Amino acid sequence: MIDHLTIRAYAKINLGLHILGERDDGYHDLETLFYPVDIFDEIELRPYKNDVVISCDHPDVPTDSTNLCARATNSLRAHLKYRDGLHITINKNIPVGGGLGGGSSDAAAVLLALREFWQADVPDDELTRLASGIGADVTYFLRPTAAIATGRGDTLEYFDYALPYWVVVVYPNIQVSTAWAYKNFQLRMEERKNLRELVEQHQYDLNLWKAEMQNDFEEIVYAEYPEIADVKDTLYRGGAGFALLSGSGSSVFGLFESQIDAEDTADALLADYQVFLSPPNFIPDFEGLRPAF
């Protein structure tokens, strides 16, 4: 058995997010396009007696059994009928409560890594089933490339796509509650453009993206937190061809053709916020841990 393993868990942005209605199970039907960005947490796995112990350098991350990494570990332990314990150390870089999927990505990364760490024979479809039981978008992070997500976010259509822009991601030091966002959003009834078609067939027409690609949470989030709307305006003033709220917020991202404009805008925003720069055509490297599906 491996006695130590360090892995990366990458963040995502949402290139469009449509809320289609409420489901009988309490979730909402949605359509969104997930895309990975070069922001990651580092997670260290070590054996630990018979318990699952979580350590984290961020005070807002729970370290009890509610932590998604703990839930992922315990779910796989139950499936394998293992008693092996685990000490998971999470070094946070992905902002907490920022709409970038950090907790879900951490859980998926742990599931992937534990197959190697425990040298366990767990088929990809079984790993997907376990991930779906942990959280709505955990499944996506088992293979964080471009994907259309529908249903409650766990029905995925992966496709080959590389975003040809510099991405500036800004976390404005505000946590937006996902539960609050879903409770207060306004359902839109108009017909929407197909997100995959927009990114594949019109990837160099950011004016069209600006006109047609929406995040249904923006209206209520910007009304409640005007500072987040100001961040989006700053990205546009800095030269972004397209900017949008990610997930339910609070992070906002801007797409830039010019590296200089992206870097200058990021530098200007760094005085007040957490800012990250992701290069064009970014795809995470999981060093063989990624499933084959």
Protein backbone atom coordinates (compact mmCIF):
# COMPACT_ATOMS: atom_id res chain seq x y z
CA MET A 1 0.00 0.00 0.00
CA ILE A 2 1.15 3.55 -0.79
CA ASP A 3 1.98 5.46 2.40
CA HIS A 4 1.67 8.99 1.03
CA LEU A 5 0.01 10.67 -1.95
CA THR A 6 -0.44 14.35 -2.85
CA ILE A 7 -2.99 15.31 -5.49
CA ARG A 8 -4.52 18.42 -7.03
CA ALA A 9 -8.22 19.27 -7.17
CA TYR A 10 -9.04 21.85 -9.84
CA ALA A 11 -11.76 24.50 -9.90
CA LYS A 12 -14.34 25.12 -12.62
CA ILE A 13 -16.24 28.04 -14.08
CA ASN A 14 -19.72 27.99 -15.57
CA LEU A 15 -19.95 29.19 -19.16
CA GLY A 16 -23.65 29.91 -18.87
CA LEU A 17 -26.11 28.58 -16.29
CA HIS A 18 -29.84 28.14 -16.91
CA ILE A 19 -32.30 27.13 -14.17
CA LEU A 20 -35.13 25.25 -15.83
CA GLY A 21 -37.42 24.47 -12.88
CA GLU A 22 -37.80 22.69 -9.55
CA ARG A 23 -37.65 18.89 -9.29
CA ASP A 24 -39.69 16.57 -7.11
CA ASP A 25 -36.56 15.65 -5.13
CA GLY A 26 -35.99 19.23 -3.97
CA TYR A 27 -33.20 19.97 -6.44
CA HIS A 28 -33.57 22.07 -9.58
CA ASP A 29 -33.23 21.07 -13.20
CA LEU A 30 -30.50 23.09 -14.83
CA GLU A 31 -28.35 23.38 -17.88
CA THR A 32 -24.80 24.63 -17.58
CA LEU A 33 -21.43 24.28 -19.24
CA PHE A 34 -18.57 23.40 -16.91
CA TYR A 35 -15.01 24.28 -17.84
CA PRO A 36 -11.85 23.77 -15.70
CA VAL A 37 -9.49 26.59 -14.72
CA ASP A 38 -5.96 26.58 -13.36
CA ILE A 39 -6.88 27.04 -9.70
CA PHE A 40 -6.39 24.05 -7.45
CA ASP A 41 -6.38 22.75 -3.89
CA GLU A 42 -3.63 20.39 -2.82
CA ILE A 43 -4.73 17.30 -0.92
CA GLU A 44 -2.42 14.96 0.94
CA LEU A 45 -3.44 11.41 1.84
CA ARG A 46 -1.79 9.35 4.58
CA PRO A 47 -2.89 6.18 6.44
CA TYR A 48 -4.40 6.84 9.86
CA LYS A 49 -5.45 4.00 12.18
CA ASN A 50 -9.12 3.14 11.63
CA ASP A 51 -10.51 6.67 11.42
CA VAL A 52 -10.99 9.31 8.74
CA VAL A 53 -9.41 12.55 9.94
CA ILE A 54 -9.58 15.87 8.07
CA SER A 55 -7.16 18.77 8.48
CA CYS A 56 -7.53 22.04 6.56
CA ASP A 57 -5.79 25.39 6.57
CA HIS A 58 -9.04 27.32 5.96
CA PRO A 59 -11.24 28.04 9.00
CA ASP A 60 -14.51 27.87 7.05
CA VAL A 61 -13.98 24.31 5.84
CA PRO A 62 -15.58 21.70 8.14
CA THR A 63 -13.25 18.99 9.39
CA ASP A 64 -15.90 16.61 10.69
CA SER A 65 -17.89 13.91 8.88
CA THR A 66 -19.81 16.54 6.89
CA ASN A 67 -16.69 17.40 4.90
CA LEU A 68 -17.17 16.11 1.35
CA CYS A 69 -13.73 14.47 1.36
CA ALA A 70 -14.70 12.56 4.49
CA ARG A 71 -18.00 11.56 2.89
CA ALA A 72 -16.16 10.41 -0.25
CA THR A 73 -13.70 8.36 1.78
CA ASN A 74 -16.38 6.77 3.95
CA SER A 75 -18.51 6.01 0.90
CA LEU A 76 -15.65 4.18 -0.77
CA ARG A 77 -14.67 2.43 2.48
CA ALA A 78 -18.22 1.12 2.82
CA HIS A 79 -18.27 -0.06 -0.78
CA LEU A 80 -14.94 -1.87 -0.38
CA LYS A 81 -15.71 -3.01 3.18
CA TYR A 82 -12.40 -1.49 4.26
CA ARG A 83 -11.49 -0.58 7.80
CA ASP A 84 -8.41 1.35 6.72
CA GLY A 85 -8.34 4.89 8.10
CA LEU A 86 -7.10 7.99 6.36
CA HIS A 87 -5.66 11.37 7.28
CA ILE A 88 -6.63 13.93 4.64
CA THR A 89 -4.88 17.29 4.67
CA ILE A 90 -6.52 19.95 2.48
CA ASN A 91 -4.49 23.01 1.51
CA LYS A 92 -7.11 25.42 0.17
CA ASN A 93 -6.43 27.70 -2.75
CA ILE A 94 -9.88 27.57 -4.37
CA PRO A 95 -12.00 30.21 -2.57
CA VAL A 96 -14.68 28.85 -0.24
CA GLY A 97 -18.23 29.82 -1.21
CA GLY A 98 -17.07 31.29 -4.50
CA GLY A 99 -19.05 29.25 -7.03
CA LEU A 100 -15.95 27.44 -8.27
CA GLY A 101 -16.76 23.93 -7.01
CA GLY A 102 -13.87 23.55 -4.59
CA GLY A 103 -15.50 21.16 -2.13
CA SER A 104 -16.91 18.96 -4.88
CA SER A 105 -13.60 18.91 -6.71
CA ASP A 106 -11.79 17.91 -3.51
CA ALA A 107 -14.20 15.01 -2.99
CA ALA A 108 -13.82 13.77 -6.57
CA ALA A 109 -10.03 14.02 -6.38
CA VAL A 110 -10.05 11.93 -3.20
CA LEU A 111 -12.21 9.24 -4.84
CA LEU A 112 -9.84 9.08 -7.81
CA ALA A 113 -6.73 9.02 -5.66
CA LEU A 114 -8.00 6.37 -3.26
CA ARG A 115 -8.24 3.81 -6.05
CA GLU A 116 -4.48 4.14 -6.39
CA PHE A 117 -3.75 4.75 -2.71
CA TRP A 118 -5.63 1.62 -1.64
CA GLN A 119 -4.86 -0.23 -4.90
CA ALA A 120 -8.56 -0.93 -5.17
CA ASP A 121 -10.35 -2.30 -8.21
CA VAL A 122 -13.29 0.10 -8.53
CA PRO A 123 -14.80 0.41 -12.03
CA ASP A 124 -15.42 3.89 -13.40
CA ASP A 125 -19.19 3.43 -13.36
CA GLU A 126 -19.10 2.51 -9.67
CA LEU A 127 -16.93 5.53 -8.89
CA THR A 128 -19.46 7.68 -10.76
CA ARG A 129 -22.31 6.22 -8.69
CA LEU A 130 -20.48 6.95 -5.45
CA ALA A 131 -19.67 10.49 -6.59
CA SER A 132 -23.30 11.20 -7.47
CA GLY A 133 -24.34 10.23 -3.97
CA ILE A 134 -21.98 12.77 -2.41
CA GLY A 135 -23.07 15.91 -4.24
CA ALA A 136 -24.71 17.12 -7.43
CA ASP A 137 -21.58 18.21 -9.27
CA VAL A 138 -19.00 15.86 -7.71
CA THR A 139 -19.42 13.54 -10.71
CA TYR A 140 -18.20 16.24 -13.09
CA PHE A 141 -14.89 16.59 -11.29
CA LEU A 142 -13.99 12.97 -11.91
CA ARG A 143 -13.14 14.16 -15.40
CA PRO A 144 -12.94 17.96 -15.37
CA THR A 145 -12.89 18.86 -19.04
CA ALA A 146 -15.60 20.70 -20.98
CA ALA A 147 -19.02 19.23 -20.23
CA ILE A 148 -22.68 20.13 -20.55
CA ALA A 149 -24.45 19.32 -17.28
CA THR A 150 -28.20 18.82 -17.07
CA GLY A 151 -30.64 17.32 -14.58
CA ARG A 152 -29.46 18.38 -11.14
CA GLY A 153 -25.97 18.85 -12.56
CA ASP A 154 -24.85 15.23 -12.62
CA THR A 155 -26.06 14.23 -16.10
CA LEU A 156 -22.97 14.99 -18.12
CA GLU A 157 -22.12 15.24 -21.78
CA TYR A 158 -18.34 15.59 -22.12
CA PHE A 159 -16.84 16.98 -25.30
CA ASP A 160 -13.42 18.01 -26.56
CA TYR A 161 -13.04 21.74 -26.26
CA ALA A 162 -10.24 24.12 -25.29
CA LEU A 163 -11.16 27.66 -24.30
CA PRO A 164 -8.85 29.92 -26.36
CA TYR A 165 -8.77 32.84 -23.90
CA TRP A 166 -6.96 34.02 -20.83
CA VAL A 167 -9.35 33.66 -17.90
CA VAL A 168 -9.21 36.11 -14.99
CA VAL A 169 -11.16 34.75 -12.01
CA VAL A 170 -11.98 37.17 -9.19
CA TYR A 171 -13.21 36.18 -5.74
CA PRO A 172 -14.57 39.37 -4.11
CA ASN A 173 -14.22 38.08 -0.53
CA ILE A 174 -17.98 37.48 -0.29
CA GLN A 175 -19.59 34.09 0.27
CA VAL A 176 -22.92 33.60 -1.49
CA SER A 177 -25.12 30.83 -0.11
CA THR A 178 -26.15 28.42 -2.85
CA ALA A 179 -29.34 27.61 -0.92
CA TRP A 180 -30.19 31.32 -0.74
CA ALA A 181 -29.52 31.74 -4.46
CA TYR A 182 -31.79 28.86 -5.44
CA LYS A 183 -34.53 30.12 -3.11
CA ASN A 184 -34.53 33.61 -4.57
CA PHE A 185 -33.72 33.33 -8.27
CA GLN A 186 -36.29 34.37 -10.87
CA LEU A 187 -37.28 31.60 -13.29
CA ARG A 188 -36.88 32.68 -16.92
CA MET A 189 -39.32 31.29 -19.46
CA GLU A 190 -37.73 32.53 -22.69
CA GLU A 191 -35.95 30.20 -25.09
CA ARG A 192 -32.16 30.02 -24.65
CA LYS A 193 -29.32 29.53 -27.05
CA ASN A 194 -27.62 26.12 -26.96
CA LEU A 195 -24.53 26.49 -24.78
CA ARG A 196 -22.44 23.88 -26.56
CA GLU A 197 -23.23 25.42 -29.93
CA LEU A 198 -22.23 28.85 -28.64
CA VAL A 199 -18.81 27.72 -27.43
CA GLU A 200 -18.01 25.39 -30.34
CA GLN A 201 -19.39 27.29 -33.31
CA HIS A 202 -19.03 30.86 -32.08
CA GLN A 203 -16.00 30.70 -29.82
CA TYR A 204 -14.39 33.79 -31.37
CA ASP A 205 -17.57 35.89 -31.24
CA LEU A 206 -17.55 37.07 -27.65
CA ASN A 207 -20.07 39.78 -28.50
CA LEU A 208 -22.53 36.98 -29.23
CA TRP A 209 -21.57 35.29 -25.96
CA LYS A 210 -22.19 38.58 -24.17
CA ALA A 211 -25.63 38.87 -25.73
CA GLU A 212 -26.75 35.25 -25.45
CA MET A 213 -24.88 33.48 -22.62
CA GLN A 214 -26.56 34.00 -19.26
CA ASN A 215 -26.27 32.98 -15.63
CA ASP A 216 -29.72 32.99 -14.06
CA PHE A 217 -28.28 33.81 -10.64
CA GLU A 218 -26.71 37.11 -11.73
CA GLU A 219 -29.77 39.32 -11.28
CA ILE A 220 -30.43 38.43 -7.65
CA VAL A 221 -26.76 38.16 -6.67
CA TYR A 222 -25.89 41.57 -8.13
CA ALA A 223 -28.96 43.14 -6.51
CA GLU A 224 -27.96 41.76 -3.10
CA TYR A 225 -24.22 42.33 -3.52
CA PRO A 226 -23.56 45.34 -5.81
CA GLU A 227 -19.82 45.00 -5.24
CA ILE A 228 -19.86 41.74 -7.22
CA ALA A 229 -21.50 43.55 -10.15
CA ASP A 230 -18.77 46.19 -9.89
CA VAL A 231 -16.14 43.45 -10.33
CA LYS A 232 -17.79 42.35 -13.56
CA ASP A 233 -17.79 45.96 -14.79
CA THR A 234 -14.09 46.26 -13.93
CA LEU A 235 -13.30 43.16 -15.98
CA TYR A 236 -15.06 44.68 -18.98
CA ARG A 237 -13.27 48.01 -18.52
CA GLY A 238 -9.99 46.09 -18.42
CA GLY A 239 -10.61 44.57 -21.84
CA ALA A 240 -12.56 41.37 -21.21
CA GLY A 241 -14.60 40.32 -24.21
CA PHE A 242 -16.98 38.38 -21.98
CA ALA A 243 -17.56 38.23 -18.23
CA LEU A 244 -20.01 36.27 -16.08
CA LEU A 245 -20.81 35.14 -12.56
CA SER A 246 -19.62 31.57 -11.92
CA GLY A 247 -22.17 29.20 -10.41
CA SER A 248 -24.23 30.92 -7.74
CA GLY A 249 -21.29 33.23 -7.05
CA SER A 250 -19.57 35.05 -5.71
CA SER A 251 -16.65 34.63 -8.13
CA VAL A 252 -16.77 36.42 -11.46
CA PHE A 253 -14.58 35.57 -14.45
CA GLY A 254 -13.56 37.47 -17.55
CA LEU A 255 -12.25 36.13 -20.86
CA PHE A 256 -9.40 38.08 -22.47
CA GLU A 257 -7.79 37.77 -25.89
CA SER A 258 -4.79 39.82 -24.74
CA GLN A 259 -2.42 38.41 -22.13
CA ILE A 260 -1.27 41.94 -21.29
CA ASP A 261 -4.84 43.14 -20.66
CA ALA A 262 -5.55 40.05 -18.57
CA GLU A 263 -2.45 40.50 -16.44
CA ASP A 264 -2.96 44.26 -16.01
CA THR A 265 -6.59 43.78 -14.98
CA ALA A 266 -5.66 40.99 -12.59
CA ASP A 267 -2.95 43.16 -11.03
CA ALA A 268 -5.38 46.06 -10.58
CA LEU A 269 -7.94 43.86 -8.84
CA LEU A 270 -5.37 42.16 -6.60
CA ALA A 271 -5.33 45.16 -4.29
CA ASP A 272 -8.81 44.28 -3.00
CA TYR A 273 -9.63 40.70 -4.01
CA GLN A 274 -8.33 37.22 -4.60
CA VAL A 275 -7.48 36.99 -8.29
CA PHE A 276 -6.39 34.03 -10.40
CA LEU A 277 -5.13 33.82 -13.97
CA SER A 278 -5.73 30.73 -16.10
CA PRO A 279 -4.02 30.35 -19.51
CA PRO A 280 -5.71 29.64 -22.86
CA ASN A 281 -6.47 26.02 -23.76
CA PHE A 282 -6.08 24.87 -20.17
CA ILE A 283 -6.86 21.22 -19.37
CA PRO A 284 -5.83 19.67 -16.00
CA ASP A 285 -3.24 16.91 -15.92
CA PHE A 286 -4.22 14.12 -13.55
CA GLU A 287 -1.21 11.89 -14.17
CA GLY A 288 -3.22 8.78 -14.96
CA LEU A 289 -5.83 9.13 -12.18
CA ARG A 290 -8.63 10.24 -14.50
CA PRO A 291 -11.27 7.64 -15.46
CA ALA A 292 -11.41 6.28 -18.98
CA PHE A 293 -15.05 7.30 -19.68
